[in-house]
Amino acid sequence: MPQEVPAWKDYGSCLKVIRKNTLGHKSKSFASMNEVDELFAGFDGADKNGKGTLALGEVTKGLIVELKDRTRLKNSDNLVVETVEEAIRRAYNATKDLIPGTGRADQMEHEEFKAMLIYLERFFELLHFFKVVELEKGKPALTKSGGEEHPVLVFDKEFALCAPMIKAWGVSLPGKPSDHFAQLKGPTGNCNFDSFAQWALQKSLDFLSVPEPPLGALLSPEQQERFDRAAHYKSQMAKEEEEAKAEMEAGINSTKALMAKNEADKLAAEEALKRIKPGDPGYPTVARRGAPPSSLAGRY
C-alpha cells in the first residue's frame, strides 16, 4: 500500500494541458509541433524502434517522465509510481485497437494515442472520485478507510453521484441512474470498480470503434447516436485546436508588440541623449576617480 494517495487530479490536469497545447513543450519555437505530436515522436524513439507506432513500454516510460516533470509524482514513492504505471497499462490496452484499420493490435498508432490520452485523463478522474490508492495488475483497485485497505465497490449512490461526470464525457444516460446501474450490479447490489470504470470509459469512446457509415445509409437510433457523438468529438477536437492556435497567436502578437515598444523606448532615449549637454538635467554623470562608488562627480 502506498504511503501517499496518488495525485490523480493533478495527473489528469497535466494530460489536459498536453492534449490542448498547440505549442510543443520541449521546443520553444513557435513553429514547433503541437505537444501530442511532439510526445508521440519522442516516445517512438524511446526504445529506438522508430516505427511510427508505440509499444506499451514506450508509452509508459514516456508518460511517467512527463508526469514526473510536471507534477508531484517526481517526489512520490515507488508504489505510487507503480500504481500510475498500472493505470497507463490499462488505458493502453483499452485503446490500442479501439480505432478500426489502424495497423497491428499490439502497437498504438497516432490517432489511438490521442484517444488513449483522453481515456487516461478520464480514468484519472474516476480514480480521484473513488479515492483509489493502489492499482496492481490482475488485482482489484484498492482504497483505504479506517486504517484498512479494501477493494473499491460501486453502489447505487456512488453511481448516481458519478453520473454527471459520465454524461459530461458525452455518454447518454436517459432516465434514472439506477436503471443503468441495474445492468452492472450483481446479486450483491454492487459492482467492482474495475468493471464499472471499464464500462464507463469504453462507453465514452465507443463511437471511435465504428467506421463512418456510407453516404445515405439508414442508421438505427443507436447507430445514429454513436455517429452523432463521433461528429461531435471531431468538432470538439477541431474547436480545441483552433482555440489553442488563437491563444498561441495572441501570445506571439503580444510578445511582438512588447518587443516593438521596448525598441521604440530605446530609440527615444538615445535621441534624447543626443539633445542634452553636460550639466543639463538628466545628463549621465561619472564617478570621480578615487571617490567611493556611490558618489558621483556631479556632486563635487
Foldseek 3Di string as FASTA:
>chain_A
DFPDAQPLLQLLVLLVCQLLAQDDDVDPDPPDGRPLVVLQQVLCPPVDPRPQWHALVSVLVSSLVSCLVRHVSVVGDPQSSVQLSVLLVVLCLLQQCLAPPPDDSRIRHSVSSSLSSVLSSVVSVLCVLQRFRGDDPPDATWHDDPNDIDFGKAAQVNQQVCVVVLVVLVADDPDHSVVVCVVADDPVRIHTPVSVSSVSSCRSVNLNNDDDDPPPDDDDPVVVSSNVSVVVVVVVSVVSNVVNVVVSVVVVVVVVVVVVVVVVVVVVVVVVQVPDDPPDPPHDFDQDPPDPPVDTPVVD
